[in-house]
């Protein structure tokens, strides 16, 4: 697993990212270890990852356009979990990343039973 660094490192927190489905394909990997700046939110990390991994990854995470404040909106079919707990999209802007967090990005999987 490659370790990547947040571009604005002051106080680093070690985080593990897990990518699934089409997000994994867009990232080119199923996981990554990353050092994140202390105080960053999960939403801010997602923006940083979109810049790092490029347009295909951004399209898997963010809907086209933005909200009234000019911020990127997350895709409705994106699920984000932190430490195995699913975090609602509105809460990702407030959820501060902690050292050792495991963040999983999952698209909605087709099918059912």
C-alpha atoms as a PDB file:
ATOM      1  CA  UNK A   1       0.000   0.000   0.000  1.00  0.00           C
ATOM      2  CA  UNK A   2       1.451   3.353  -1.044  1.00  0.00           C
ATOM      3  CA  UNK A   3       1.550   6.195   1.463  1.00  0.00           C
ATOM      4  CA  UNK A   4       0.533   9.589   0.172  1.00  0.00           C
ATOM      5  CA  UNK A   5       0.767  12.943   1.880  1.00  0.00           C
ATOM      6  CA  UNK A   6      -1.747  15.741   2.079  1.00  0.00           C
ATOM      7  CA  UNK A   7      -0.232  18.760   0.362  1.00  0.00           C
ATOM      8  CA  UNK A   8      -0.561  21.061   3.368  1.00  0.00           C
ATOM      9  CA  UNK A   9       0.999  18.970   6.157  1.00  0.00           C
ATOM     10  CA  UNK A  10       1.465  20.668   9.528  1.00  0.00           C
ATOM     11  CA  UNK A  11       0.422  18.055  12.047  1.00  0.00           C
ATOM     12  CA  UNK A  12      -0.075  14.689  10.391  1.00  0.00           C
ATOM     13  CA  UNK A  13      -2.714  12.086  11.115  1.00  0.00           C
ATOM     14  CA  UNK A  14      -2.395   8.601   9.603  1.00  0.00           C
ATOM     15  CA  UNK A  15      -5.567   7.540   7.782  1.00  0.00           C
ATOM     16  CA  UNK A  16      -6.420   4.467   5.701  1.00  0.00           C
ATOM     17  CA  UNK A  17      -8.647   4.875   2.659  1.00  0.00           C
ATOM     18  CA  UNK A  18     -10.605   1.980   1.178  1.00  0.00           C
ATOM     19  CA  UNK A  19     -12.111   2.248  -2.293  1.00  0.00           C
ATOM     20  CA  UNK A  20     -14.847  -0.008  -3.671  1.00  0.00           C
ATOM     21  CA  UNK A  21     -16.500  -0.654  -7.036  1.00  0.00           C
ATOM     22  CA  UNK A  22     -16.210   2.053  -9.664  1.00  0.00           C
ATOM     23  CA  UNK A  23     -14.438   4.316  -7.156  1.00  0.00           C
ATOM     24  CA  UNK A  24     -11.692   1.701  -6.815  1.00  0.00           C
ATOM     25  CA  UNK A  25     -11.334   1.613 -10.610  1.00  0.00           C
ATOM     26  CA  UNK A  26     -11.105   5.420 -10.766  1.00  0.00           C
ATOM     27  CA  UNK A  27      -8.477   5.516  -7.989  1.00  0.00           C
ATOM     28  CA  UNK A  28      -6.481   2.668  -9.551  1.00  0.00           C
ATOM     29  CA  UNK A  29      -6.209   0.952  -6.168  1.00  0.00           C
ATOM     30  CA  UNK A  30      -8.383  -0.621  -3.512  1.00  0.00           C
ATOM     31  CA  UNK A  31      -6.691   1.194  -0.628  1.00  0.00           C
ATOM     32  CA  UNK A  32      -4.210   3.905   0.273  1.00  0.00           C
ATOM     33  CA  UNK A  33      -2.517   5.139   3.400  1.00  0.00           C
ATOM     34  CA  UNK A  34      -2.528   8.909   3.669  1.00  0.00           C
ATOM     35  CA  UNK A  35      -1.182  11.490   6.057  1.00  0.00           C
ATOM     36  CA  UNK A  36      -3.804  14.181   6.624  1.00  0.00           C
ATOM     37  CA  UNK A  37      -3.526  17.620   8.148  1.00  0.00           C
ATOM     38  CA  UNK A  38      -4.938  17.793  11.673  1.00  0.00           C
ATOM     39  CA  UNK A  39      -8.333  19.499  11.780  1.00  0.00           C
ATOM     40  CA  UNK A  40      -9.406  18.491   8.252  1.00  0.00           C
ATOM     41  CA  UNK A  41     -12.939  17.299   7.655  1.00  0.00           C
ATOM     42  CA  UNK A  42     -13.862  14.241   5.625  1.00  0.00           C
ATOM     43  CA  UNK A  43     -15.432  16.523   3.001  1.00  0.00           C
ATOM     44  CA  UNK A  44     -12.176  18.493   2.668  1.00  0.00           C
ATOM     45  CA  UNK A  45     -10.291  15.214   2.268  1.00  0.00           C
ATOM     46  CA  UNK A  46     -12.676  14.142  -0.505  1.00  0.00           C
ATOM     47  CA  UNK A  47     -11.999  17.400  -2.351  1.00  0.00           C
ATOM     48  CA  UNK A  48      -8.251  16.835  -2.008  1.00  0.00           C
ATOM     49  CA  UNK A  49      -8.567  13.240  -3.250  1.00  0.00           C
ATOM     50  CA  UNK A  50     -10.560  14.420  -6.285  1.00  0.00           C
ATOM     51  CA  UNK A  51      -7.686  16.723  -7.211  1.00  0.00           C
ATOM     52  CA  UNK A  52      -5.112  13.985  -6.642  1.00  0.00           C
ATOM     53  CA  UNK A  53      -6.877  11.201  -8.551  1.00  0.00           C
ATOM     54  CA  UNK A  54      -8.317  13.316 -11.379  1.00  0.00           C
ATOM     55  CA  UNK A  55     -11.512  13.799 -13.344  1.00  0.00           C
ATOM     56  CA  UNK A  56     -12.680  10.163 -13.349  1.00  0.00           C
ATOM     57  CA  UNK A  57     -12.425   9.965  -9.568  1.00  0.00           C
ATOM     58  CA  UNK A  58     -14.100  13.369  -9.135  1.00  0.00           C
ATOM     59  CA  UNK A  59     -17.036  12.161 -11.256  1.00  0.00           C
ATOM     60  CA  UNK A  60     -17.429   9.125  -8.973  1.00  0.00           C
ATOM     61  CA  UNK A  61     -17.536  11.302  -5.834  1.00  0.00           C
ATOM     62  CA  UNK A  62     -19.122  14.622  -6.800  1.00  0.00           C
ATOM     63  CA  UNK A  63     -22.245  15.488  -8.767  1.00  0.00           C
ATOM     64  CA  UNK A  64     -21.835  17.933 -11.628  1.00  0.00           C
ATOM     65  CA  UNK A  65     -22.196  21.560 -10.670  1.00  0.00           C
ATOM     66  CA  UNK A  66     -22.293  22.865  -7.151  1.00  0.00           C
ATOM     67  CA  UNK A  67     -24.669  24.250  -4.569  1.00  0.00           C
ATOM     68  CA  UNK A  68     -25.652  27.911  -4.082  1.00  0.00           C
ATOM     69  CA  UNK A  69     -22.460  28.512  -2.087  1.00  0.00           C
ATOM     70  CA  UNK A  70     -20.344  27.206  -4.978  1.00  0.00           C
ATOM     71  CA  UNK A  71     -19.363  24.039  -3.117  1.00  0.00           C
ATOM     72  CA  UNK A  72     -19.243  20.638  -4.789  1.00  0.00           C
ATOM     73  CA  UNK A  73     -22.165  18.400  -3.907  1.00  0.00           C
ATOM     74  CA  UNK A  74     -21.530  14.733  -3.245  1.00  0.00           C
ATOM     75  CA  UNK A  75     -23.249  12.198  -5.472  1.00  0.00           C
ATOM     76  CA  UNK A  76     -26.468  10.859  -3.999  1.00  0.00           C
ATOM     77  CA  UNK A  77     -25.283   7.302  -4.635  1.00  0.00           C
ATOM     78  CA  UNK A  78     -22.028   7.722  -2.674  1.00  0.00           C
ATOM     79  CA  UNK A  79     -21.711   6.096   0.733  1.00  0.00           C
ATOM     80  CA  UNK A  80     -18.906   7.165   3.067  1.00  0.00           C
ATOM     81  CA  UNK A  81     -18.054   5.326   6.255  1.00  0.00           C
ATOM     82  CA  UNK A  82     -15.574   6.311   8.932  1.00  0.00           C
ATOM     83  CA  UNK A  83     -14.511   3.524  11.250  1.00  0.00           C
ATOM     84  CA  UNK A  84     -17.304   1.331   9.875  1.00  0.00           C
ATOM     85  CA  UNK A  85     -20.018   3.906  10.634  1.00  0.00           C
ATOM     86  CA  UNK A  86     -21.870   5.427   7.678  1.00  0.00           C
ATOM     87  CA  UNK A  87     -21.746   9.218   7.821  1.00  0.00           C
ATOM     88  CA  UNK A  88     -24.519  11.244   6.165  1.00  0.00           C
ATOM     89  CA  UNK A  89     -23.428  13.692   3.487  1.00  0.00           C
ATOM     90  CA  UNK A  90     -24.344  16.778   5.543  1.00  0.00           C
ATOM     91  CA  UNK A  91     -22.211  15.515   8.434  1.00  0.00           C
ATOM     92  CA  UNK A  92     -19.109  14.976   6.255  1.00  0.00           C
ATOM     93  CA  UNK A  93     -18.533  18.747   6.279  1.00  0.00           C
ATOM     94  CA  UNK A  94     -18.337  18.637  10.109  1.00  0.00           C
ATOM     95  CA  UNK A  95     -16.726  15.242  10.713  1.00  0.00           C
ATOM     96  CA  UNK A  96     -13.124  15.934  11.756  1.00  0.00           C
ATOM     97  CA  UNK A  97     -10.679  13.214  10.767  1.00  0.00           C
ATOM     98  CA  UNK A  98      -8.935  11.491  13.661  1.00  0.00           C
ATOM     99  CA  UNK A  99      -5.634   9.649  13.724  1.00  0.00           C
ATOM    100  CA  UNK A 100      -6.072   6.022  12.654  1.00  0.00           C
ATOM    101  CA  UNK A 101      -9.449   6.545  10.951  1.00  0.00           C
ATOM    102  CA  UNK A 102     -10.384   4.104   8.207  1.00  0.00           C
ATOM    103  CA  UNK A 103     -12.472   5.889   5.583  1.00  0.00           C
ATOM    104  CA  UNK A 104     -14.328   3.804   3.010  1.00  0.00           C
ATOM    105  CA  UNK A 105     -15.856   5.165  -0.199  1.00  0.00           C
ATOM    106  CA  UNK A 106     -18.570   3.003  -1.701  1.00  0.00           C
ATOM    107  CA  UNK A 107     -20.797   3.580  -4.706  1.00  0.00           C
ATOM    108  CA  UNK A 108     -24.302   2.161  -4.628  1.00  0.00           C
ATOM    109  CA  UNK A 109     -24.045  -1.415  -5.832  1.00  0.00           C
ATOM    110  CA  UNK A 110     -26.617  -2.547  -8.400  1.00  0.00           C
ATOM    111  CA  UNK A 111     -28.782  -5.544  -7.763  1.00  0.00           C
ATOM    112  CA  UNK A 112     -30.673  -6.729  -4.780  1.00  0.00           C
ATOM    113  CA  UNK A 113     -32.533  -9.658  -3.590  1.00  0.00           C
END
